[in-house]
Amino acid sequence: MSKFLYTAKNITTGENAGGEQEAKDEKTLAQDLRERGFLLTSHKELEAKKSLVTIKFFDRFSGVPLKEKMVFARNLAVMVSSGLTVSRAVHNLSVQTKNKRFKTILLSVFDDVQSGKTLSEGLARYPNVFDELFVNMVGVGEMSGTLEGILEILAIQLEKEHDLSSKVKGALIYPAVIVVAMIGIAVLMLTYILPKITGVFKDMDVKLPATTLFIMKISDLLRENAILVIIFTIAMIIGVKMFAGTTAGKRFFSLLFLYMPIVGNIVIKVNCARFARIYSSLLKSGISVVVGLGIVSKTLSNVYYKDVLAEAIGEVQKGVDLSKVIAKYPHIFPILVTQILEVGEETGKTETVLQRLAEFYEEEVSQITKNMSSIIEPILMLVIGGGVGFFAVAMLQPMYSVLENIK
């Protein structure tokens, strides 16, 4: 759309008029004025004001913390319900946020809304910040005139998702710190302390056991090829991340996490909770079953859940109940999910029963994460004890050999 400065004459009275108006081109401008009873006499296309907001290329693909989006949805709902226009509300929120990247994105969205685009169109330009769930729900709210209510539902959804992810991450911090500390201590022992001990063994004419030789070889490798070891480690990390981004990698890690002890149980409950919560929110928003399943399948992280829901879309279009489709996969959808969903389909209250199911699984995850440290602690103690025991035996065996030779 271009902006024109024009003058026109009233066809009936002959009075002159003028002003600014947006139009696709000169012909469209003349038609618009004619419909209002004016004849275009002159016009001048104005240069579009350059936006003060510049979006860097990589900003379109970088994420924003979930908490920021949660606060944005909640505050936007409050502002819209208070009578503020969407553009003004977005601008106010861009001023309030402390996240520089998010501020830049919101100012860009504000410019889009000001130029005539819908809020959902502006948000859709940043798929790594506002996912398909967010954009579709906002779009439904705009079309149905219930944006305020949809934003409230979306805010609750994001709050629950934030709570869930915070609990899981919090439970994994303790074991992660212990594992990193163990690796750090092991490297320190092998590179600085062990050489001083093994130097004594090399000077003695003693046949060293296999365990001692194994540790000595690792120590020599770390000391003599430190740079190569660092490069190899970094390359391994990058390689794993790249592999995890491929289709085969996603399937491998999704399967691995599903069947890992302790972790697998959490993965199933988290995915079931997210499925129930998101699907319930979409149905409440007025989104159809088929479209809702498509959005949920793209929102869940585990590939095998995506596959089941993708299959369910085709089956539901044929008239098959969703509960019957997921019942074929009891290893990832527990029987409780199938039963609750079946009740919802029979009573016509699917969104209500799914919301209760989500709350149940969220509480289950909360209890598991609270007990996580007590579950993992004995396992870590066994691993640490085994490592220390192996090292102690490897170091003590040569000493006993030396004492036997002295006798």
Protein backbone atom coordinates (compact mmCIF):
# COMPACT_ATOMS: atom_id res chain seq x y z
CA MET A 1 0.00 0.00 0.00
CA SER A 2 1.19 3.52 -0.89
CA LYS A 3 0.24 6.79 0.77
CA PHE A 4 -0.94 9.68 -1.45
CA LEU A 5 -1.35 13.39 -0.84
CA TYR A 6 -4.35 14.40 -2.97
CA THR A 7 -6.76 17.18 -3.86
CA ALA A 8 -10.29 16.46 -5.06
CA LYS A 9 -13.54 18.25 -5.97
CA ASN A 10 -16.97 17.35 -4.64
CA ILE A 11 -19.04 16.19 -7.60
CA THR A 12 -22.29 17.62 -6.17
CA THR A 13 -21.26 20.92 -4.56
CA GLY A 14 -18.01 21.63 -6.42
CA GLU A 15 -16.13 22.26 -3.17
CA ASN A 16 -12.43 21.42 -3.04
CA ALA A 17 -11.06 18.93 -0.55
CA GLY A 18 -7.73 17.29 0.12
CA GLY A 19 -5.76 15.09 2.49
CA GLU A 20 -3.74 11.90 2.78
CA GLN A 21 -4.98 8.42 1.95
CA GLU A 22 -3.49 4.97 1.50
CA ALA A 23 -4.24 3.16 -1.74
CA LYS A 24 -2.78 0.42 -3.91
CA ASP A 25 -2.21 2.81 -6.84
CA GLU A 26 -3.57 5.98 -8.53
CA LYS A 27 -6.52 4.16 -10.08
CA THR A 28 -7.61 2.69 -6.73
CA LEU A 29 -7.30 6.12 -5.11
CA ALA A 30 -9.54 7.69 -7.78
CA GLN A 31 -12.14 4.91 -7.41
CA ASP A 32 -12.22 5.29 -3.61
CA LEU A 33 -12.74 9.04 -3.89
CA ARG A 34 -15.42 8.64 -6.57
CA GLU A 35 -17.37 6.26 -4.31
CA ARG A 36 -17.32 8.99 -1.65
CA GLY A 37 -18.55 11.58 -4.17
CA PHE A 38 -15.26 13.26 -5.06
CA LEU A 39 -13.34 13.65 -8.30
CA LEU A 40 -9.56 13.36 -8.05
CA THR A 41 -7.86 16.51 -9.39
CA SER A 42 -4.23 15.98 -8.34
CA HIS A 43 -2.17 13.59 -6.31
CA LYS A 44 1.36 12.99 -5.10
CA GLU A 45 2.76 9.72 -3.78
CA LEU A 46 4.45 10.23 -0.41
CA GLU A 47 7.66 8.43 0.46
CA ALA A 48 7.08 5.74 3.04
CA LYS A 49 8.63 6.53 6.38
CA LYS A 50 11.36 4.12 7.16
CA SER A 51 10.71 2.09 10.25
CA LEU A 52 12.90 2.97 13.19
CA VAL A 53 12.97 -0.71 14.04
CA THR A 54 15.54 -2.90 12.34
CA ILE A 55 15.41 -6.64 12.74
CA LYS A 56 18.65 -8.48 12.35
CA PHE A 57 18.52 -11.61 10.20
CA PHE A 58 19.37 -13.99 13.05
CA ASP A 59 16.82 -12.35 15.40
CA ARG A 60 14.08 -14.03 13.35
CA PHE A 61 15.45 -17.44 14.32
CA SER A 62 16.49 -16.83 17.93
CA GLY A 63 14.23 -17.66 20.80
CA VAL A 64 12.84 -15.66 23.69
CA PRO A 65 12.40 -17.05 27.23
CA LEU A 66 9.01 -18.67 27.82
CA LYS A 67 8.47 -16.41 30.84
CA GLU A 68 8.64 -13.31 28.61
CA LYS A 69 5.95 -14.70 26.29
CA MET A 70 3.83 -15.71 29.26
CA VAL A 71 3.93 -12.18 30.72
CA PHE A 72 3.26 -10.71 27.25
CA ALA A 73 0.11 -12.80 26.74
CA ARG A 74 -1.21 -12.06 30.23
CA ASN A 75 -0.59 -8.31 30.07
CA LEU A 76 -1.87 -8.03 26.50
CA ALA A 77 -5.14 -9.65 27.60
CA VAL A 78 -5.47 -7.15 30.47
CA MET A 79 -4.75 -4.15 28.24
CA VAL A 80 -7.14 -5.25 25.48
CA SER A 81 -9.89 -5.86 28.04
CA SER A 82 -9.26 -2.35 29.41
CA GLY A 83 -10.14 -0.83 26.04
CA LEU A 84 -6.69 -0.20 24.59
CA THR A 85 -6.19 -0.86 20.90
CA VAL A 86 -4.01 -3.86 20.03
CA SER A 87 -1.28 -1.68 18.49
CA ARG A 88 -1.06 0.60 21.53
CA ALA A 89 -1.05 -2.39 23.90
CA VAL A 90 1.80 -4.04 21.96
CA HIS A 91 3.76 -0.76 21.99
CA ASN A 92 3.27 -0.36 25.75
CA LEU A 93 4.49 -3.91 26.36
CA SER A 94 7.54 -3.35 24.14
CA VAL A 95 8.50 -0.42 26.38
CA GLN A 96 8.00 -2.45 29.56
CA THR A 97 10.02 -5.56 28.63
CA LYS A 98 13.69 -5.65 29.65
CA ASN A 99 14.64 -8.29 27.10
CA LYS A 100 16.28 -6.32 24.24
CA ARG A 101 15.58 -8.94 21.58
CA PHE A 102 11.93 -9.25 22.58
CA LYS A 103 11.60 -5.44 22.69
CA THR A 104 12.88 -5.19 19.12
CA ILE A 105 10.49 -7.90 17.93
CA LEU A 106 7.48 -6.29 19.64
CA LEU A 107 8.29 -2.91 18.09
CA SER A 108 8.41 -4.62 14.69
CA VAL A 109 5.03 -6.27 15.38
CA PHE A 110 3.70 -2.84 16.41
CA ASP A 111 4.82 -1.41 13.04
CA ASP A 112 3.09 -4.29 11.24
CA VAL A 113 -0.18 -3.70 13.08
CA GLN A 114 0.06 0.04 12.42
CA SER A 115 0.52 -0.64 8.70
CA GLY A 116 -2.74 -2.60 8.57
CA LYS A 117 -1.66 -6.17 9.28
CA THR A 118 -3.37 -8.28 11.93
CA LEU A 119 -1.60 -9.12 15.17
CA SER A 120 -1.35 -12.79 14.19
CA GLU A 121 0.31 -11.85 10.89
CA GLY A 122 2.88 -9.77 12.75
CA LEU A 123 3.59 -12.54 15.25
CA ALA A 124 3.85 -15.17 12.49
CA ARG A 125 6.99 -13.47 11.16
CA TYR A 126 8.89 -14.82 14.17
CA PRO A 127 8.18 -18.57 14.30
CA ASN A 128 11.02 -19.24 16.76
CA VAL A 129 9.44 -16.83 19.25
CA PHE A 130 5.72 -17.25 18.61
CA ASP A 131 5.03 -20.85 17.64
CA GLU A 132 2.10 -22.12 15.60
CA LEU A 133 -0.01 -22.59 18.73
CA PHE A 134 0.42 -18.95 19.75
CA VAL A 135 -0.19 -17.54 16.26
CA ASN A 136 -3.23 -19.73 15.49
CA MET A 137 -4.95 -18.99 18.79
CA VAL A 138 -4.45 -15.23 18.34
CA GLY A 139 -5.73 -15.53 14.77
CA VAL A 140 -8.88 -17.32 15.95
CA GLY A 141 -9.41 -14.64 18.59
CA GLU A 142 -9.16 -11.89 15.98
CA MET A 143 -11.58 -13.58 13.57
CA SER A 144 -14.15 -14.43 16.26
CA GLY A 145 -13.86 -11.14 18.12
CA THR A 146 -12.86 -12.94 21.33
CA LEU A 147 -9.19 -11.94 21.42
CA GLU A 148 -9.32 -11.05 25.12
CA GLY A 149 -10.65 -14.48 26.13
CA ILE A 150 -8.27 -16.32 23.82
CA LEU A 151 -5.29 -14.43 25.27
CA GLU A 152 -6.42 -15.43 28.78
CA ILE A 153 -6.51 -19.11 27.73
CA LEU A 154 -3.14 -18.73 26.05
CA ALA A 155 -1.62 -17.09 29.12
CA ILE A 156 -2.82 -19.96 31.34
CA GLN A 157 -1.40 -22.46 28.83
CA LEU A 158 2.00 -20.74 28.86
CA GLU A 159 2.00 -20.48 32.67
CA LYS A 160 1.35 -24.20 33.02
CA GLU A 161 4.01 -24.99 30.43
CA HIS A 162 6.49 -22.75 32.25
CA ASP A 163 5.75 -24.42 35.59
CA LEU A 164 6.14 -27.86 34.05
CA SER A 165 9.45 -27.11 32.33
CA SER A 166 10.79 -25.34 35.46
CA LYS A 167 10.09 -28.39 37.61
CA VAL A 168 11.77 -30.77 35.17
CA LYS A 169 14.82 -28.53 34.74
CA GLY A 170 15.05 -28.00 38.49
CA ALA A 171 15.07 -31.74 39.08
CA LEU A 172 17.89 -32.25 36.58
CA ILE A 173 20.18 -29.54 38.00
CA TYR A 174 21.40 -31.61 40.96
CA PRO A 175 22.50 -34.70 38.98
CA ALA A 176 23.97 -32.48 36.25
CA VAL A 177 26.14 -30.61 38.75
CA ILE A 178 27.33 -33.88 40.32
CA VAL A 179 28.20 -35.42 36.93
CA VAL A 180 30.12 -32.29 35.82
CA ALA A 181 31.98 -32.22 39.14
CA MET A 182 32.87 -35.92 38.79
CA ILE A 183 34.25 -35.39 35.29
CA GLY A 184 36.24 -32.35 36.43
CA ILE A 185 37.77 -34.20 39.40
CA ALA A 186 38.58 -37.23 37.22
CA VAL A 187 40.40 -35.06 34.65
CA LEU A 188 42.30 -33.28 37.43
CA MET A 189 43.34 -36.60 38.98
CA LEU A 190 44.45 -38.10 35.67
CA THR A 191 46.43 -35.09 34.47
CA TYR A 192 48.11 -33.77 37.64
CA ILE A 193 47.94 -36.21 40.55
CA LEU A 194 48.16 -39.64 38.92
CA PRO A 195 51.46 -39.00 37.02
CA LYS A 196 53.25 -38.41 40.32
CA ILE A 197 52.05 -41.79 41.62
CA THR A 198 52.63 -43.79 38.45
CA GLY A 199 56.12 -42.33 38.10
CA VAL A 200 57.14 -44.51 41.06
CA PHE A 201 55.74 -47.63 39.39
CA LYS A 202 57.68 -47.01 36.17
CA ASP A 203 60.97 -46.96 38.07
CA MET A 204 60.28 -50.35 39.63
CA ASP A 205 60.70 -53.66 37.90
CA VAL A 206 57.14 -54.74 38.63
CA LYS A 207 54.57 -56.18 36.28
CA LEU A 208 51.62 -53.81 36.46
CA PRO A 209 48.03 -55.14 36.38
CA ALA A 210 45.74 -54.37 33.44
CA THR A 211 43.63 -51.89 35.45
CA THR A 212 46.69 -49.82 36.36
CA LEU A 213 47.99 -49.84 32.78
CA PHE A 214 44.55 -48.77 31.53
CA ILE A 215 44.46 -45.74 33.84
CA MET A 216 48.06 -44.86 33.02
CA LYS A 217 47.28 -44.94 29.27
CA ILE A 218 44.33 -42.57 29.74
CA SER A 219 46.50 -40.26 31.88
CA ASP A 220 49.23 -40.18 29.21
CA LEU A 221 46.66 -39.51 26.50
CA LEU A 222 45.19 -36.54 28.35
CA ARG A 223 48.58 -35.03 29.18
CA GLU A 224 50.36 -35.56 25.86
CA ASN A 225 47.41 -34.80 23.55
CA ALA A 226 45.45 -32.25 25.57
CA ILE A 227 44.67 -30.01 22.57
CA LEU A 228 43.55 -32.95 20.43
CA VAL A 229 41.35 -34.24 23.26
CA ILE A 230 39.72 -30.81 23.64
CA ILE A 231 39.16 -30.53 19.87
CA PHE A 232 37.74 -34.07 19.75
CA THR A 233 35.40 -33.34 22.68
CA ILE A 234 34.10 -30.14 21.07
CA ALA A 235 33.69 -31.94 17.74
CA MET A 236 31.76 -34.72 19.48
CA ILE A 237 29.40 -32.23 21.15
CA ILE A 238 28.81 -30.40 17.86
CA GLY A 239 28.36 -33.70 16.04
CA VAL A 240 25.79 -34.94 18.54
CA LYS A 241 23.87 -31.64 18.30
CA MET A 242 23.89 -31.82 14.51
CA PHE A 243 22.79 -35.46 14.59
CA ALA A 244 20.02 -34.58 17.05
CA GLY A 245 18.70 -32.09 14.50
CA THR A 246 18.35 -34.70 11.77
CA THR A 247 15.28 -36.92 11.31
CA ALA A 248 17.23 -40.03 12.33
CA GLY A 249 18.69 -38.23 15.33
CA LYS A 250 15.31 -37.01 16.54
CA ARG A 251 13.90 -40.53 16.32
CA PHE A 252 16.92 -42.01 18.10
CA PHE A 253 16.87 -39.60 21.04
CA SER A 254 13.07 -39.66 21.30
CA LEU A 255 13.19 -43.46 21.60
CA LEU A 256 16.15 -43.31 23.99
CA PHE A 257 14.42 -40.91 26.37
CA LEU A 258 11.20 -42.92 26.28
CA TYR A 259 12.91 -46.09 27.50
CA MET A 260 15.51 -44.63 29.87
CA PRO A 261 14.93 -45.60 33.52
CA ILE A 262 13.25 -42.83 35.55
CA VAL A 263 13.57 -40.35 32.67
CA GLY A 264 11.17 -42.33 30.45
CA ASN A 265 8.37 -42.04 33.00
CA ILE A 266 8.83 -38.28 33.18
CA VAL A 267 8.92 -37.94 29.37
CA ILE A 268 5.60 -39.82 29.02
CA LYS A 269 3.85 -37.81 31.73
CA VAL A 270 5.18 -34.47 30.45
CA ASN A 271 4.09 -35.19 26.86
CA CYS A 272 0.67 -36.42 27.96
CA ALA A 273 0.22 -33.33 30.14
CA ARG A 274 1.23 -31.02 27.29
CA PHE A 275 -1.00 -32.87 24.80
CA ALA A 276 -4.02 -32.63 27.10
CA ARG A 277 -3.39 -28.99 28.05
CA ILE A 278 -2.68 -27.69 24.52
CA TYR A 279 -5.46 -29.68 22.83
CA SER A 280 -7.94 -28.55 25.47
CA SER A 281 -6.91 -24.89 25.00
CA LEU A 282 -7.29 -25.15 21.23
CA LEU A 283 -10.76 -26.71 21.47
CA LYS A 284 -11.84 -23.98 23.90
CA SER A 285 -10.58 -21.39 21.42
CA GLY A 286 -12.94 -22.76 18.77
CA ILE A 287 -10.28 -24.43 16.62
CA SER A 288 -11.48 -27.59 14.87
CA VAL A 289 -10.35 -31.07 15.92
CA VAL A 290 -8.29 -31.68 12.78
CA VAL A 291 -6.53 -28.29 12.87
CA GLY A 292 -6.00 -28.64 16.62
CA LEU A 293 -4.35 -32.04 16.25
CA GLY A 294 -2.08 -30.62 13.56
CA ILE A 295 -0.95 -27.81 15.85
CA VAL A 296 -0.43 -30.13 18.83
CA SER A 297 1.61 -32.57 16.73
CA LYS A 298 4.00 -29.74 15.84
CA THR A 299 4.18 -28.48 19.42
CA LEU A 300 5.15 -31.73 21.18
CA SER A 301 8.88 -32.44 21.23
CA ASN A 302 8.91 -36.24 21.08
CA VAL A 303 8.81 -37.60 17.50
CA TYR A 304 6.72 -40.66 18.39
CA TYR A 305 3.93 -38.51 19.83
CA LYS A 306 4.06 -36.42 16.64
CA ASP A 307 3.69 -39.59 14.55
CA VAL A 308 0.64 -40.80 16.47
CA LEU A 309 -1.13 -37.44 16.24
CA ALA A 310 -0.27 -37.13 12.54
CA GLU A 311 -1.88 -40.54 12.00
CA ALA A 312 -4.85 -39.47 14.13
CA ILE A 313 -5.56 -36.53 11.81
CA GLY A 314 -6.23 -38.86 8.88
CA GLU A 315 -8.28 -41.26 10.99
CA VAL A 316 -10.41 -38.51 12.56
CA GLN A 317 -11.17 -37.16 9.08
CA LYS A 318 -12.53 -40.62 8.26
CA GLY A 319 -14.82 -40.49 11.30
CA VAL A 320 -12.73 -42.54 13.76
CA ASP A 321 -12.65 -41.32 17.36
CA LEU A 322 -9.32 -39.96 18.58
CA SER A 323 -9.47 -42.19 21.66
CA LYS A 324 -9.51 -45.31 19.43
CA VAL A 325 -6.42 -44.12 17.55
CA ILE A 326 -4.25 -43.44 20.59
CA ALA A 327 -5.49 -46.66 22.25
CA LYS A 328 -3.23 -48.51 19.78
CA TYR A 329 -0.16 -46.95 21.43
CA PRO A 330 -0.36 -47.78 25.16
CA HIS A 331 3.44 -47.53 25.53
CA ILE A 332 3.31 -43.75 25.06
CA PHE A 333 -0.34 -42.97 25.85
CA PRO A 334 -1.29 -44.69 29.15
CA ILE A 335 -4.73 -46.28 29.33
CA LEU A 336 -5.92 -43.41 31.56
CA VAL A 337 -5.52 -40.96 28.65
CA THR A 338 -7.56 -43.21 26.37
CA GLN A 339 -10.34 -43.68 28.93
CA ILE A 340 -10.60 -39.99 29.83
CA LEU A 341 -10.63 -38.96 26.17
CA GLU A 342 -13.31 -41.56 25.42
CA VAL A 343 -15.49 -40.14 28.20
CA GLY A 344 -15.02 -36.64 26.80
CA GLU A 345 -16.01 -37.73 23.30
CA GLU A 346 -19.14 -39.50 24.59
CA THR A 347 -20.28 -36.58 26.75
CA GLY A 348 -19.22 -33.78 24.40
CA LYS A 349 -16.97 -32.26 27.08
CA THR A 350 -13.59 -33.19 25.66
CA GLU A 351 -11.91 -29.87 26.53
CA THR A 352 -13.09 -30.07 30.16
CA VAL A 353 -11.93 -33.63 30.83
CA LEU A 354 -8.63 -33.00 29.05
CA GLN A 355 -7.99 -30.00 31.26
CA ARG A 356 -8.48 -32.19 34.34
CA LEU A 357 -6.23 -34.84 32.81
CA ALA A 358 -3.54 -32.22 32.23
CA GLU A 359 -3.79 -31.11 35.86
CA PHE A 360 -3.46 -34.73 37.00
CA TYR A 361 -0.30 -35.37 34.98
CA GLU A 362 1.18 -32.00 35.93
CA GLU A 363 0.74 -32.94 39.57
CA GLU A 364 2.31 -36.35 38.86
CA VAL A 365 5.35 -34.66 37.28
CA SER A 366 5.55 -32.30 40.25
CA GLN A 367 5.67 -35.24 42.69
CA ILE A 368 8.25 -37.12 40.63
CA THR A 369 10.53 -34.09 40.35
CA LYS A 370 10.26 -33.47 44.10
CA ASN A 371 11.46 -37.03 44.75
CA MET A 372 14.02 -36.96 41.94
CA SER A 373 16.99 -36.19 44.17
CA SER A 374 16.17 -39.05 46.54
CA ILE A 375 15.86 -41.42 43.53
CA ILE A 376 19.01 -40.32 41.73
CA GLU A 377 21.22 -39.81 44.79
CA PRO A 378 21.80 -43.52 45.55
CA ILE A 379 22.48 -44.20 41.84
CA LEU A 380 25.06 -41.41 41.75
CA MET A 381 26.61 -42.70 44.97
CA LEU A 382 26.99 -46.16 43.45
CA VAL A 383 28.59 -44.71 40.30
CA ILE A 384 30.96 -42.50 42.31
CA GLY A 385 31.77 -45.36 44.68
CA GLY A 386 32.44 -47.70 41.76
CA GLY A 387 34.76 -45.16 40.11
CA VAL A 388 36.67 -44.46 43.31
CA GLY A 389 36.90 -48.18 44.07
CA PHE A 390 38.25 -48.97 40.61
CA PHE A 391 40.87 -46.22 40.91
CA ALA A 392 41.88 -47.34 44.41
CA VAL A 393 42.27 -50.98 43.37
CA ALA A 394 44.27 -49.98 40.28
CA MET A 395 46.68 -47.97 42.44
CA LEU A 396 46.95 -50.41 45.36
CA GLN A 397 47.58 -53.58 43.34
CA PRO A 398 51.12 -52.54 42.22
CA MET A 399 51.96 -51.55 45.79
CA TYR A 400 51.06 -55.02 47.02
CA SER A 401 53.22 -56.48 44.25
CA VAL A 402 56.18 -54.39 45.39
CA LEU A 403 55.71 -55.46 49.01
CA GLU A 404 55.60 -59.14 47.97
CA ASN A 405 58.88 -58.74 46.04
CA ILE A 406 60.54 -57.14 49.06
CA LYS A 407 59.54 -60.14 51.20
